Amino acid sequence: MGFLPTGQRQLSWSGVDGLARIAIACQGGGSRTAFTAGALGRLLRWCEAGPALDDQRVQVLALSGTSGGAMCGLLAWYALLTQDAGGRSPAALLRDFWSDLSATEWWDVGLNAALVGATRLEEYVTLPQISPYTFEAWRALTPPPAREWLNGRARLRHLLEQHVDFPKLA
């Protein structure tokens, strides 16, 4: 809280009613998203057990994020809003979403292994660079059944809609 004296810092931290109000920014981007999902899940489980921080009650005021961190923030916020109406707990919703998104099908597991292998191969030989932005052009050239399978955005949108009732948020 900067250079405020301890008494003023405590007042600005806890507010008038004794609630510690927190806002959480969730990082995105590969391993940062994985860390965010784990840390946020742990924080939410801790809050479910009795939301207190340094013996103060905690109120989450806002969640923000980028990329995968934005999905973490969305899932946590949605669960916080719907938990009293019988929805899943925030930590459970976050865990279930990332579990459902993980590579479990043979093609996802195989593709992950191939990409990890290619990344390790870069240490020894020069590999051609491929822009992720050219993938849509490649996907457009594939036959329709494979094209749909390669549509990661549609798969991700469908998975988010399975976990979040977007009309309920409107």
Protein backbone atom coordinates (compact mmCIF):
# COMPACT_ATOMS: atom_id res chain seq x y z
CA MET A 1 0.00 0.00 0.00
CA GLY A 2 2.87 2.37 -0.49
CA PHE A 3 4.26 4.53 2.29
CA LEU A 4 1.11 5.03 4.35
CA PRO A 5 1.46 4.74 8.12
CA THR A 6 0.29 1.37 9.44
CA GLY A 7 -3.01 2.69 10.83
CA GLN A 8 -4.00 4.35 7.55
CA ARG A 9 -2.88 1.32 5.58
CA GLN A 10 -5.13 -0.92 7.67
CA LEU A 11 -8.11 1.40 7.20
CA SER A 12 -7.67 1.57 3.44
CA TRP A 13 -7.13 -2.20 3.28
CA SER A 14 -10.15 -3.24 5.31
CA GLY A 15 -12.61 -0.45 4.66
CA VAL A 16 -15.25 0.59 7.16
CA ASP A 17 -16.97 -2.80 7.58
CA GLY A 18 -13.80 -4.84 8.17
CA LEU A 19 -13.88 -6.62 4.80
CA ALA A 20 -10.60 -6.99 2.95
CA ARG A 21 -11.54 -6.12 -0.61
CA ILE A 22 -9.34 -7.65 -3.28
CA ALA A 23 -9.13 -7.51 -7.06
CA ILE A 24 -7.29 -10.28 -8.88
CA ALA A 25 -5.49 -9.96 -12.22
CA CYS A 26 -5.04 -13.34 -13.92
CA GLN A 27 -2.09 -13.78 -16.29
CA GLY A 28 -2.43 -15.65 -19.53
CA GLY A 29 -0.09 -17.34 -21.93
CA GLY A 30 0.84 -21.00 -21.63
CA SER A 31 2.58 -21.77 -18.36
CA ARG A 32 1.39 -18.48 -16.83
CA THR A 33 -2.19 -19.62 -17.37
CA ALA A 34 -1.41 -22.97 -15.77
CA PHE A 35 0.10 -21.18 -12.77
CA THR A 36 -2.86 -18.77 -12.61
CA ALA A 37 -5.38 -21.61 -12.71
CA GLY A 38 -3.58 -23.43 -9.91
CA ALA A 39 -3.01 -20.39 -7.71
CA LEU A 40 -6.53 -19.03 -8.25
CA GLY A 41 -8.02 -22.46 -7.57
CA ARG A 42 -6.07 -22.68 -4.31
CA LEU A 43 -7.13 -19.16 -3.30
CA LEU A 44 -10.78 -19.95 -4.05
CA ARG A 45 -10.65 -23.23 -2.07
CA TRP A 46 -9.11 -21.30 0.81
CA CYS A 47 -11.88 -18.67 0.61
CA GLU A 48 -14.54 -21.41 0.60
CA ALA A 49 -13.11 -22.78 3.84
CA GLY A 50 -13.69 -19.44 5.54
CA PRO A 51 -12.69 -16.33 3.63
CA ALA A 52 -10.20 -14.60 5.89
CA LEU A 53 -6.86 -12.98 5.20
CA ASP A 54 -4.75 -12.07 8.22
CA ASP A 55 -7.89 -12.75 10.29
CA GLN A 56 -9.98 -10.43 8.10
CA ARG A 57 -12.91 -11.47 5.96
CA VAL A 58 -12.23 -11.23 2.23
CA GLN A 59 -14.47 -9.96 -0.54
CA VAL A 60 -13.43 -10.43 -4.18
CA LEU A 61 -14.43 -7.24 -5.97
CA ALA A 62 -13.06 -7.90 -9.43
CA LEU A 63 -11.29 -10.42 -11.60
CA SER A 64 -9.51 -9.54 -14.83
CA GLY A 65 -7.20 -11.37 -17.14
CA THR A 66 -5.72 -11.89 -20.57
CA SER A 67 -5.95 -14.96 -22.78
CA GLY A 68 -6.15 -18.10 -20.60
CA GLY A 69 -6.09 -15.87 -17.52
CA ALA A 70 -9.27 -14.20 -18.78
CA MET A 71 -10.91 -17.63 -18.95
CA CYS A 72 -9.79 -18.30 -15.37
CA GLY A 73 -11.27 -14.96 -14.29
CA LEU A 74 -14.52 -15.62 -16.16
CA LEU A 75 -14.97 -19.06 -14.63
CA ALA A 76 -14.19 -17.87 -11.11
CA TRP A 77 -16.46 -14.81 -11.39
CA TYR A 78 -19.32 -16.83 -12.88
CA ALA A 79 -19.05 -19.38 -10.09
CA LEU A 80 -18.95 -16.65 -7.43
CA LEU A 81 -22.13 -15.15 -8.92
CA THR A 82 -24.03 -18.45 -9.20
CA GLN A 83 -22.74 -20.39 -6.20
CA ASP A 84 -25.62 -19.35 -3.92
CA ALA A 85 -28.12 -20.54 -6.56
CA GLY A 86 -26.80 -24.09 -6.41
CA GLY A 87 -23.95 -23.66 -8.90
CA ARG A 88 -20.59 -25.35 -8.52
CA SER A 89 -18.03 -23.80 -6.25
CA PRO A 90 -15.54 -21.49 -7.97
CA ALA A 91 -12.61 -23.83 -7.34
CA ALA A 92 -14.55 -26.85 -8.65
CA LEU A 93 -15.67 -25.03 -11.81
CA LEU A 94 -12.11 -23.90 -12.53
CA ARG A 95 -10.73 -27.40 -11.96
CA ASP A 96 -13.44 -29.07 -14.08
CA PHE A 97 -12.95 -26.68 -17.01
CA TRP A 98 -9.19 -27.14 -17.21
CA SER A 99 -9.56 -30.89 -16.76
CA ASP A 100 -12.02 -30.99 -19.68
CA LEU A 101 -9.66 -28.85 -21.78
CA SER A 102 -6.62 -31.03 -21.13
CA ALA A 103 -5.29 -33.32 -23.84
CA THR A 104 -7.00 -36.68 -23.36
CA GLU A 105 -7.84 -37.77 -26.92
CA TRP A 106 -5.16 -39.64 -28.86
CA TRP A 107 -4.75 -36.87 -31.45
CA ASP A 108 -4.31 -34.16 -28.81
CA VAL A 109 -1.80 -36.25 -26.85
CA GLY A 110 0.06 -37.12 -30.07
CA LEU A 111 0.13 -33.52 -31.29
CA ASN A 112 1.37 -32.31 -27.89
CA ALA A 113 4.16 -34.92 -27.92
CA ALA A 114 5.13 -33.96 -31.49
CA LEU A 115 5.27 -30.26 -30.65
CA VAL A 116 7.33 -30.86 -27.50
CA GLY A 117 9.69 -33.05 -29.54
CA ALA A 118 10.00 -30.38 -32.24
CA THR A 119 10.72 -27.74 -29.62
CA ARG A 120 13.50 -29.88 -28.15
CA LEU A 121 14.87 -30.53 -31.64
CA GLU A 122 15.36 -26.76 -32.07
CA GLU A 123 18.30 -26.99 -29.67
CA TYR A 124 20.22 -29.06 -32.22
CA VAL A 125 19.05 -27.99 -35.69
CA THR A 126 17.47 -24.96 -37.29
CA LEU A 127 13.79 -25.55 -37.96
CA PRO A 128 11.58 -23.49 -40.27
CA GLN A 129 9.52 -20.88 -38.49
CA ILE A 130 5.76 -21.07 -38.97
CA SER A 131 3.53 -18.21 -37.98
CA PRO A 132 0.44 -19.22 -36.01
CA TYR A 133 -1.46 -16.68 -38.10
CA THR A 134 -1.05 -18.81 -41.24
CA PHE A 135 -2.87 -21.73 -39.63
CA GLU A 136 -6.30 -20.47 -40.73
CA ALA A 137 -5.17 -20.54 -44.38
CA TRP A 138 -3.96 -24.12 -43.96
CA ARG A 139 -7.17 -25.11 -42.22
CA ALA A 140 -9.24 -23.67 -45.09
CA LEU A 141 -7.49 -26.06 -47.50
CA THR A 142 -8.41 -29.19 -45.53
CA PRO A 143 -11.54 -31.29 -46.22
CA PRO A 144 -14.66 -30.29 -44.21
CA PRO A 145 -14.54 -33.05 -41.54
CA ALA A 146 -10.90 -32.31 -40.74
CA ARG A 147 -11.55 -28.57 -40.97
CA GLU A 148 -14.08 -28.76 -38.14
CA TRP A 149 -11.75 -30.91 -36.06
CA LEU A 150 -9.02 -28.31 -36.51
CA ASN A 151 -11.31 -25.45 -35.45
CA GLY A 152 -9.86 -24.85 -32.00
CA ARG A 153 -11.89 -21.68 -31.41
CA ALA A 154 -15.18 -23.52 -31.94
CA ARG A 155 -14.06 -26.32 -29.61
CA LEU A 156 -13.03 -23.79 -26.97
CA ARG A 157 -16.28 -21.81 -27.34
CA HIS A 158 -18.31 -25.02 -26.97
CA LEU A 159 -16.37 -25.99 -23.85
CA LEU A 160 -16.85 -22.54 -22.28
CA GLU A 161 -20.58 -22.71 -23.02
CA GLN A 162 -20.71 -26.10 -21.25
CA HIS A 163 -19.33 -24.51 -18.09
CA VAL A 164 -20.77 -20.98 -18.22
CA ASP A 165 -24.41 -20.06 -18.86
CA PHE A 166 -23.69 -16.84 -20.78
CA PRO A 167 -27.36 -15.73 -21.05
CA LYS A 168 -27.50 -15.85 -17.25
CA LEU A 169 -24.68 -13.28 -17.13
CA ALA A 170 -26.51 -10.80 -19.37
